Amino acid sequence: MVHTRPFEYEQDESFIWELYCSTRTEEMALWGWRESDKLAFLQLQFIMQQKSYQMQFPAQNHQIILRSGQPIGRLITDASGEALHLVDISLLPAYRGQGVGSGIIGDLQKEAEAIQLPIRLRVLQGNPAFRLYERFHFIVTDSTGLYMQMEWQPLLQN
């Protein structure tokens, strides 16, 4: 069974770092860099990602995804504006493709439907998650360079 709990910096910092690195493993393998260069690059990118999320989504809800009490991923959302923003969803490699992400997206859609807000997200061009979002009826609303903006609209309630 999968559930979430609030992110706790002291407890979760090393897990979030491990998770971030796991999301970049395939990409980094293609570059042929030395391990020390990869590590330096990843550390810089990790810090920049955290700062960017905080600047863009100061009211973010940062959750740790758990299975059997063990952290397997993270979910960051922000519903402070005119949309429920799916800022980030990341899973450890061993848990990808097992329906965990689908369950979380389905739950987010129920939440968005209840508050009558669209869900918006950005996805990197070529990211396999794009197909997941398409299956859940997200549509591309903008494409700028490396990223695509996608949106899902809830059914209107009378």
N, C-alpha and C. Protein backbone atom coordinates (compact mmCIF):
# COMPACT_ATOMS: atom_id res chain seq x y z
N MET A 1 0.84 -1.18 0.00
CA MET A 1 0.00 0.00 0.00
C MET A 1 0.89 1.25 0.00
N VAL A 2 0.51 2.21 -0.82
CA VAL A 2 1.28 3.44 -0.96
C VAL A 2 0.52 4.58 -0.28
N HIS A 3 1.25 5.38 0.48
CA HIS A 3 0.67 6.59 1.06
C HIS A 3 1.77 7.65 1.16
N THR A 4 1.41 8.84 1.62
CA THR A 4 2.38 9.92 1.73
C THR A 4 2.41 10.47 3.14
N ARG A 5 3.49 11.15 3.42
CA ARG A 5 3.63 11.89 4.68
C ARG A 5 4.40 13.16 4.37
N PRO A 6 4.27 14.18 5.22
CA PRO A 6 5.01 15.42 4.97
C PRO A 6 6.52 15.22 4.97
N PHE A 7 7.19 15.93 4.08
CA PHE A 7 8.65 15.96 4.02
C PHE A 7 9.19 16.57 5.31
N GLU A 8 10.19 15.92 5.89
CA GLU A 8 10.87 16.44 7.08
C GLU A 8 12.35 16.55 6.74
N TYR A 9 12.86 17.76 6.72
CA TYR A 9 14.21 18.02 6.23
C TYR A 9 15.26 17.11 6.87
N GLU A 10 15.30 17.10 8.18
CA GLU A 10 16.34 16.32 8.88
C GLU A 10 16.27 14.83 8.52
N GLN A 11 15.07 14.32 8.49
CA GLN A 11 14.87 12.89 8.25
C GLN A 11 15.02 12.51 6.78
N ASP A 12 14.65 13.40 5.87
CA ASP A 12 14.51 13.04 4.46
C ASP A 12 15.56 13.60 3.52
N GLU A 13 16.44 14.46 4.01
CA GLU A 13 17.40 15.12 3.13
C GLU A 13 18.24 14.13 2.32
N SER A 14 18.79 13.10 2.96
CA SER A 14 19.65 12.16 2.22
C SER A 14 18.83 11.32 1.24
N PHE A 15 17.59 10.99 1.60
CA PHE A 15 16.74 10.25 0.67
C PHE A 15 16.44 11.09 -0.57
N ILE A 16 16.11 12.37 -0.38
CA ILE A 16 15.79 13.24 -1.52
C ILE A 16 16.99 13.36 -2.45
N TRP A 17 18.20 13.42 -1.88
CA TRP A 17 19.42 13.48 -2.70
C TRP A 17 19.56 12.18 -3.51
N GLU A 18 19.41 11.04 -2.85
CA GLU A 18 19.50 9.74 -3.53
C GLU A 18 18.45 9.65 -4.65
N LEU A 19 17.25 10.09 -4.36
CA LEU A 19 16.16 10.05 -5.34
C LEU A 19 16.50 10.94 -6.54
N TYR A 20 16.97 12.14 -6.28
CA TYR A 20 17.34 13.05 -7.37
C TYR A 20 18.40 12.41 -8.27
N CYS A 21 19.43 11.88 -7.66
CA CYS A 21 20.50 11.23 -8.44
C CYS A 21 19.94 10.09 -9.29
N SER A 22 18.99 9.34 -8.74
CA SER A 22 18.43 8.21 -9.49
C SER A 22 17.64 8.66 -10.71
N THR A 23 17.14 9.90 -10.68
CA THR A 23 16.38 10.39 -11.83
C THR A 23 17.29 10.86 -12.95
N ARG A 24 18.57 11.00 -12.66
CA ARG A 24 19.51 11.51 -13.67
C ARG A 24 20.52 10.45 -14.12
N THR A 25 20.45 9.23 -13.59
CA THR A 25 21.45 8.19 -13.85
C THR A 25 21.61 7.88 -15.34
N GLU A 26 20.50 7.62 -16.03
CA GLU A 26 20.59 7.25 -17.45
C GLU A 26 21.18 8.39 -18.27
N GLU A 27 20.71 9.59 -18.02
CA GLU A 27 21.19 10.77 -18.74
C GLU A 27 22.70 10.96 -18.52
N MET A 28 23.13 10.88 -17.27
CA MET A 28 24.53 11.11 -16.94
C MET A 28 25.44 10.03 -17.53
N ALA A 29 24.95 8.81 -17.64
CA ALA A 29 25.75 7.72 -18.19
C ALA A 29 26.16 8.00 -19.64
N LEU A 30 25.35 8.75 -20.36
CA LEU A 30 25.61 9.03 -21.76
C LEU A 30 26.73 10.06 -21.96
N TRP A 31 27.03 10.81 -20.93
CA TRP A 31 27.95 11.92 -21.08
C TRP A 31 29.42 11.52 -21.01
N GLY A 32 29.72 10.38 -20.41
CA GLY A 32 31.10 9.93 -20.32
C GLY A 32 31.98 10.74 -19.36
N TRP A 33 31.37 11.39 -18.41
CA TRP A 33 32.11 12.21 -17.45
C TRP A 33 32.73 11.35 -16.36
N ARG A 34 33.79 11.88 -15.73
CA ARG A 34 34.37 11.25 -14.55
C ARG A 34 33.35 11.34 -13.41
N GLU A 35 33.45 10.40 -12.47
CA GLU A 35 32.50 10.37 -11.34
C GLU A 35 32.53 11.67 -10.54
N SER A 36 33.72 12.23 -10.33
CA SER A 36 33.83 13.47 -9.54
C SER A 36 33.13 14.63 -10.26
N ASP A 37 33.21 14.67 -11.59
CA ASP A 37 32.53 15.72 -12.35
C ASP A 37 31.02 15.53 -12.31
N LYS A 38 30.58 14.27 -12.40
CA LYS A 38 29.14 13.98 -12.30
C LYS A 38 28.61 14.43 -10.95
N LEU A 39 29.32 14.09 -9.89
CA LEU A 39 28.88 14.44 -8.54
C LEU A 39 28.79 15.95 -8.36
N ALA A 40 29.79 16.68 -8.82
CA ALA A 40 29.78 18.14 -8.70
C ALA A 40 28.61 18.73 -9.48
N PHE A 41 28.39 18.24 -10.68
CA PHE A 41 27.28 18.71 -11.50
C PHE A 41 25.94 18.42 -10.84
N LEU A 42 25.77 17.18 -10.37
CA LEU A 42 24.51 16.80 -9.72
C LEU A 42 24.23 17.63 -8.48
N GLN A 43 25.26 17.90 -7.68
CA GLN A 43 25.06 18.71 -6.48
C GLN A 43 24.58 20.11 -6.85
N LEU A 44 25.19 20.71 -7.84
CA LEU A 44 24.79 22.04 -8.28
C LEU A 44 23.36 22.02 -8.82
N GLN A 45 23.04 21.05 -9.66
CA GLN A 45 21.69 20.94 -10.23
C GLN A 45 20.64 20.70 -9.15
N PHE A 46 20.97 19.88 -8.17
CA PHE A 46 20.05 19.58 -7.07
C PHE A 46 19.72 20.85 -6.28
N ILE A 47 20.74 21.61 -5.95
CA ILE A 47 20.54 22.86 -5.20
C ILE A 47 19.70 23.83 -6.02
N MET A 48 20.00 23.94 -7.30
CA MET A 48 19.26 24.86 -8.16
C MET A 48 17.79 24.43 -8.29
N GLN A 49 17.55 23.12 -8.38
CA GLN A 49 16.17 22.64 -8.47
C GLN A 49 15.39 23.01 -7.21
N GLN A 50 15.99 22.78 -6.04
CA GLN A 50 15.31 23.09 -4.79
C GLN A 50 14.98 24.58 -4.69
N LYS A 51 15.96 25.42 -5.05
CA LYS A 51 15.74 26.88 -5.00
C LYS A 51 14.67 27.31 -6.00
N SER A 52 14.69 26.74 -7.18
CA SER A 52 13.72 27.07 -8.20
C SER A 52 12.31 26.71 -7.75
N TYR A 53 12.14 25.51 -7.20
CA TYR A 53 10.82 25.09 -6.71
C TYR A 53 10.34 26.04 -5.62
N GLN A 54 11.24 26.41 -4.71
CA GLN A 54 10.85 27.29 -3.60
C GLN A 54 10.45 28.68 -4.11
N MET A 55 11.17 29.18 -5.10
CA MET A 55 10.86 30.51 -5.64
C MET A 55 9.54 30.49 -6.42
N GLN A 56 9.34 29.48 -7.25
CA GLN A 56 8.14 29.41 -8.08
C GLN A 56 6.90 29.00 -7.31
N PHE A 57 7.09 28.17 -6.29
CA PHE A 57 5.95 27.60 -5.55
C PHE A 57 6.20 27.70 -4.05
N PRO A 58 6.19 28.91 -3.50
CA PRO A 58 6.50 29.08 -2.07
C PRO A 58 5.50 28.38 -1.14
N ALA A 59 4.29 28.10 -1.62
CA ALA A 59 3.27 27.43 -0.79
C ALA A 59 3.23 25.92 -1.09
N GLN A 60 4.31 25.39 -1.62
CA GLN A 60 4.33 23.98 -2.02
C GLN A 60 4.04 23.03 -0.86
N ASN A 61 3.44 21.91 -1.21
CA ASN A 61 3.17 20.82 -0.28
C ASN A 61 4.12 19.69 -0.69
N HIS A 62 5.16 19.48 0.09
CA HIS A 62 6.22 18.51 -0.22
C HIS A 62 5.94 17.25 0.59
N GLN A 63 5.66 16.14 -0.10
CA GLN A 63 5.33 14.87 0.54
C GLN A 63 6.35 13.80 0.16
N ILE A 64 6.56 12.88 1.07
CA ILE A 64 7.37 11.69 0.80
C ILE A 64 6.39 10.55 0.51
N ILE A 65 6.62 9.84 -0.59
CA ILE A 65 5.79 8.69 -0.96
C ILE A 65 6.38 7.46 -0.28
N LEU A 66 5.52 6.73 0.41
CA LEU A 66 5.95 5.55 1.18
C LEU A 66 5.26 4.29 0.68
N ARG A 67 5.98 3.19 0.71
CA ARG A 67 5.40 1.86 0.51
C ARG A 67 5.91 1.00 1.64
N SER A 68 4.99 0.38 2.36
CA SER A 68 5.33 -0.43 3.53
C SER A 68 6.22 0.35 4.50
N GLY A 69 5.95 1.63 4.64
CA GLY A 69 6.68 2.48 5.58
C GLY A 69 8.03 2.97 5.09
N GLN A 70 8.46 2.54 3.90
CA GLN A 70 9.76 2.93 3.37
C GLN A 70 9.60 4.00 2.30
N PRO A 71 10.46 5.04 2.31
CA PRO A 71 10.38 6.07 1.27
C PRO A 71 10.74 5.51 -0.10
N ILE A 72 9.86 5.78 -1.07
CA ILE A 72 10.11 5.32 -2.44
C ILE A 72 10.05 6.47 -3.44
N GLY A 73 9.66 7.66 -2.97
CA GLY A 73 9.56 8.78 -3.89
C GLY A 73 9.12 10.05 -3.20
N ARG A 74 8.88 11.06 -4.01
CA ARG A 74 8.39 12.32 -3.47
C ARG A 74 7.35 12.92 -4.40
N LEU A 75 6.49 13.75 -3.80
CA LEU A 75 5.44 14.44 -4.52
C LEU A 75 5.43 15.87 -4.02
N ILE A 76 5.52 16.82 -4.96
CA ILE A 76 5.43 18.24 -4.61
C ILE A 76 4.28 18.83 -5.41
N THR A 77 3.33 19.42 -4.70
CA THR A 77 2.19 20.09 -5.34
C THR A 77 2.05 21.49 -4.76
N ASP A 78 1.28 22.31 -5.46
CA ASP A 78 0.97 23.66 -4.97
C ASP A 78 -0.40 24.03 -5.52
N ALA A 79 -1.34 24.26 -4.60
CA ALA A 79 -2.71 24.61 -4.98
C ALA A 79 -3.05 26.02 -4.54
N SER A 80 -2.06 26.90 -4.47
CA SER A 80 -2.28 28.24 -3.93
C SER A 80 -2.84 29.23 -4.96
N GLY A 81 -2.90 28.86 -6.21
CA GLY A 81 -3.35 29.80 -7.24
C GLY A 81 -4.58 29.30 -7.97
N GLU A 82 -4.59 29.53 -9.27
CA GLU A 82 -5.74 29.18 -10.10
C GLU A 82 -5.68 27.75 -10.62
N ALA A 83 -4.68 26.99 -10.16
CA ALA A 83 -4.52 25.59 -10.59
C ALA A 83 -3.84 24.80 -9.48
N LEU A 84 -4.01 23.50 -9.55
CA LEU A 84 -3.24 22.59 -8.71
C LEU A 84 -2.01 22.23 -9.53
N HIS A 85 -0.86 22.73 -9.11
CA HIS A 85 0.38 22.49 -9.85
C HIS A 85 1.03 21.20 -9.34
N LEU A 86 1.29 20.30 -10.26
CA LEU A 86 2.09 19.13 -9.97
C LEU A 86 3.52 19.54 -10.25
N VAL A 87 4.22 19.95 -9.19
CA VAL A 87 5.56 20.50 -9.32
C VAL A 87 6.57 19.40 -9.62
N ASP A 88 6.47 18.29 -8.89
CA ASP A 88 7.42 17.19 -9.08
C ASP A 88 6.82 15.91 -8.53
N ILE A 89 6.99 14.85 -9.28
CA ILE A 89 6.72 13.50 -8.79
C ILE A 89 7.90 12.66 -9.24
N SER A 90 8.57 12.04 -8.29
CA SER A 90 9.75 11.22 -8.58
C SER A 90 9.66 9.93 -7.78
N LEU A 91 10.04 8.83 -8.41
CA LEU A 91 10.07 7.52 -7.75
C LEU A 91 11.43 6.88 -7.95
N LEU A 92 11.86 6.11 -6.96
CA LEU A 92 13.08 5.32 -7.13
C LEU A 92 12.88 4.37 -8.31
N PRO A 93 13.93 4.03 -9.04
CA PRO A 93 13.80 3.18 -10.23
C PRO A 93 13.05 1.87 -10.00
N ALA A 94 13.24 1.24 -8.86
CA ALA A 94 12.59 -0.05 -8.59
C ALA A 94 11.07 0.05 -8.51
N TYR A 95 10.54 1.25 -8.35
CA TYR A 95 9.10 1.43 -8.18
C TYR A 95 8.43 2.09 -9.39
N ARG A 96 9.19 2.36 -10.41
CA ARG A 96 8.63 2.95 -11.62
C ARG A 96 7.95 1.86 -12.45
N GLY A 97 6.89 2.21 -13.14
CA GLY A 97 6.21 1.26 -14.01
C GLY A 97 5.37 0.23 -13.27
N GLN A 98 5.08 0.48 -12.00
CA GLN A 98 4.30 -0.47 -11.20
C GLN A 98 2.93 0.07 -10.79
N GLY A 99 2.54 1.21 -11.36
CA GLY A 99 1.24 1.77 -11.05
C GLY A 99 1.24 2.77 -9.90
N VAL A 100 2.39 2.99 -9.28
CA VAL A 100 2.45 3.95 -8.17
C VAL A 100 2.13 5.35 -8.67
N GLY A 101 2.79 5.77 -9.74
CA GLY A 101 2.54 7.09 -10.30
C GLY A 101 1.11 7.23 -10.77
N SER A 102 0.56 6.19 -11.39
CA SER A 102 -0.83 6.23 -11.84
C SER A 102 -1.78 6.45 -10.67
N GLY A 103 -1.54 5.76 -9.57
CA GLY A 103 -2.39 5.93 -8.39
C GLY A 103 -2.32 7.35 -7.85
N ILE A 104 -1.14 7.91 -7.83
CA ILE A 104 -0.97 9.27 -7.32
C ILE A 104 -1.64 10.29 -8.25
N ILE A 105 -1.47 10.11 -9.56
CA ILE A 105 -2.11 11.02 -10.51
C ILE A 105 -3.63 10.93 -10.37
N GLY A 106 -4.15 9.72 -10.25
CA GLY A 106 -5.60 9.54 -10.07
C GLY A 106 -6.09 10.23 -8.81
N ASP A 107 -5.34 10.12 -7.72
CA ASP A 107 -5.71 10.79 -6.47
C ASP A 107 -5.69 12.31 -6.63
N LEU A 108 -4.67 12.82 -7.34
CA LEU A 108 -4.60 14.26 -7.59
C LEU A 108 -5.78 14.75 -8.42
N GLN A 109 -6.19 13.94 -9.38
CA GLN A 109 -7.34 14.33 -10.19
C GLN A 109 -8.61 14.39 -9.34
N LYS A 110 -8.78 13.46 -8.42
CA LYS A 110 -9.94 13.50 -7.52
C LYS A 110 -9.89 14.76 -6.65
N GLU A 111 -8.71 15.07 -6.13
CA GLU A 111 -8.54 16.28 -5.32
C GLU A 111 -8.86 17.53 -6.13
N ALA A 112 -8.34 17.60 -7.36
CA ALA A 112 -8.57 18.77 -8.21
C ALA A 112 -10.04 18.88 -8.58
N GLU A 113 -10.67 17.75 -8.81
CA GLU A 113 -12.10 17.77 -9.14
C GLU A 113 -12.91 18.32 -7.96
N ALA A 114 -12.54 17.91 -6.75
CA ALA A 114 -13.26 18.37 -5.56
C ALA A 114 -13.16 19.88 -5.36
N ILE A 115 -12.02 20.45 -5.72
CA ILE A 115 -11.84 21.90 -5.55
C ILE A 115 -12.02 22.66 -6.87
N GLN A 116 -12.39 21.92 -7.92
CA GLN A 116 -12.66 22.50 -9.24
C GLN A 116 -11.50 23.35 -9.78
N LEU A 117 -10.30 22.76 -9.72
CA LEU A 117 -9.12 23.41 -10.29
C LEU A 117 -8.50 22.48 -11.33
N PRO A 118 -7.94 23.04 -12.40
CA PRO A 118 -7.18 22.22 -13.33
C PRO A 118 -5.86 21.80 -12.68
N ILE A 119 -5.26 20.75 -13.21
CA ILE A 119 -3.91 20.35 -12.79
C ILE A 119 -2.97 20.80 -13.91
N ARG A 120 -1.91 21.48 -13.53
CA ARG A 120 -0.89 21.90 -14.49
C ARG A 120 0.45 21.32 -14.10
N LEU A 121 1.25 21.01 -15.10
CA LEU A 121 2.60 20.48 -14.86
C LEU A 121 3.48 20.81 -16.04
N ARG A 122 4.77 20.68 -15.81
CA ARG A 122 5.77 20.79 -16.88
C ARG A 122 6.52 19.47 -16.91
N VAL A 123 6.78 18.97 -18.11
CA VAL A 123 7.50 17.71 -18.27
C VAL A 123 8.58 17.91 -19.32
N LEU A 124 9.74 17.34 -19.04
CA LEU A 124 10.87 17.41 -19.95
C LEU A 124 10.56 16.66 -21.23
N GLN A 125 10.88 17.27 -22.37
CA GLN A 125 10.67 16.60 -23.66
C GLN A 125 11.39 15.25 -23.61
N GLY A 126 10.71 14.20 -24.03
CA GLY A 126 11.29 12.86 -24.06
C GLY A 126 11.17 12.08 -22.76
N ASN A 127 10.65 12.69 -21.71
CA ASN A 127 10.47 12.00 -20.43
C ASN A 127 9.38 10.94 -20.60
N PRO A 128 9.63 9.68 -20.20
CA PRO A 128 8.61 8.64 -20.32
C PRO A 128 7.31 8.97 -19.57
N ALA A 129 7.37 9.85 -18.58
CA ALA A 129 6.16 10.23 -17.84
C ALA A 129 5.14 10.93 -18.75
N PHE A 130 5.59 11.47 -19.86
CA PHE A 130 4.68 12.13 -20.80
C PHE A 130 3.54 11.19 -21.20
N ARG A 131 3.86 9.94 -21.47
CA ARG A 131 2.84 8.96 -21.87
C ARG A 131 1.85 8.71 -20.73
N LEU A 132 2.35 8.69 -19.50
CA LEU A 132 1.47 8.54 -18.33
C LEU A 132 0.48 9.70 -18.27
N TYR A 133 0.97 10.91 -18.42
CA TYR A 133 0.09 12.07 -18.36
C TYR A 133 -0.94 12.04 -19.50
N GLU A 134 -0.51 11.62 -20.68
CA GLU A 134 -1.46 11.51 -21.79
C GLU A 134 -2.57 10.50 -21.47
N ARG A 135 -2.21 9.38 -20.88
CA ARG A 135 -3.22 8.37 -20.51
C ARG A 135 -4.24 8.93 -19.53
N PHE A 136 -3.83 9.90 -18.73
CA PHE A 136 -4.73 10.52 -17.75
C PHE A 136 -5.37 11.80 -18.31
N HIS A 137 -5.32 11.94 -19.63
CA HIS A 137 -6.03 13.01 -20.36
C HIS A 137 -5.47 14.41 -20.11
N PHE A 138 -4.18 14.49 -19.85
CA PHE A 138 -3.51 15.79 -19.85
C PHE A 138 -3.25 16.15 -21.30
N ILE A 139 -3.36 17.43 -21.61
CA ILE A 139 -3.07 17.88 -22.97
C ILE A 139 -1.93 18.89 -22.93
N VAL A 140 -1.16 18.94 -24.00
CA VAL A 140 -0.07 19.90 -24.11
C VAL A 140 -0.68 21.28 -24.38
N THR A 141 -0.33 22.25 -23.54
CA THR A 141 -0.84 23.62 -23.72
C THR A 141 0.25 24.58 -24.18
N ASP A 142 1.52 24.16 -24.04
CA ASP A 142 2.63 25.00 -24.47
C ASP A 142 3.87 24.14 -24.56
N SER A 143 4.77 24.51 -25.44
CA SER A 143 6.04 23.81 -25.58
C SER A 143 7.13 24.86 -25.74
N THR A 144 8.01 24.91 -24.76
CA THR A 144 9.08 25.91 -24.79
C THR A 144 10.42 25.23 -24.59
N GLY A 145 11.15 25.04 -25.65
CA GLY A 145 12.48 24.46 -25.54
C GLY A 145 12.47 23.05 -25.00
N LEU A 146 13.02 22.89 -23.80
CA LEU A 146 13.16 21.57 -23.22
C LEU A 146 11.89 21.01 -22.59
N TYR A 147 10.94 21.87 -22.26
CA TYR A 147 9.78 21.43 -21.50
C TYR A 147 8.47 21.63 -22.24
N MET A 148 7.50 20.78 -21.87
CA MET A 148 6.13 20.94 -22.33
C MET A 148 5.25 21.24 -21.12
N GLN A 149 4.37 22.19 -21.29
CA GLN A 149 3.37 22.48 -20.26
C GLN A 149 2.16 21.61 -20.60
N MET A 150 1.61 20.93 -19.58
CA MET A 150 0.43 20.09 -19.78
C MET A 150 -0.63 20.48 -18.76
N GLU A 151 -1.88 20.19 -19.12
CA GLU A 151 -2.98 20.54 -18.22
C GLU A 151 -4.08 19.50 -18.31
N TRP A 152 -4.73 19.27 -17.18
CA TRP A 152 -5.91 18.42 -17.09
C TRP A 152 -7.03 19.26 -16.49
N GLN A 153 -8.20 19.18 -17.10
CA GLN A 153 -9.35 19.94 -16.63
C GLN A 153 -10.36 19.01 -15.95
N PRO A 154 -10.84 19.40 -14.78
CA PRO A 154 -11.89 18.59 -14.12
C PRO A 154 -13.22 18.80 -14.83
N LEU A 155 -14.11 17.84 -14.66
CA LEU A 155 -15.46 18.00 -15.20
C LEU A 155 -16.15 19.10 -14.39
N LEU A 156 -16.88 19.95 -15.06
CA LEU A 156 -17.59 21.02 -14.38
C LEU A 156 -18.75 20.46 -13.59
N GLN A 157 -18.87 20.89 -12.35
CA GLN A 157 -19.98 20.47 -11.49
C GLN A 157 -21.04 21.55 -11.48
N ASN A 158 -22.29 21.15 -11.50
CA ASN A 158 -23.40 22.13 -11.46
C ASN A 158 -23.84 22.38 -10.04
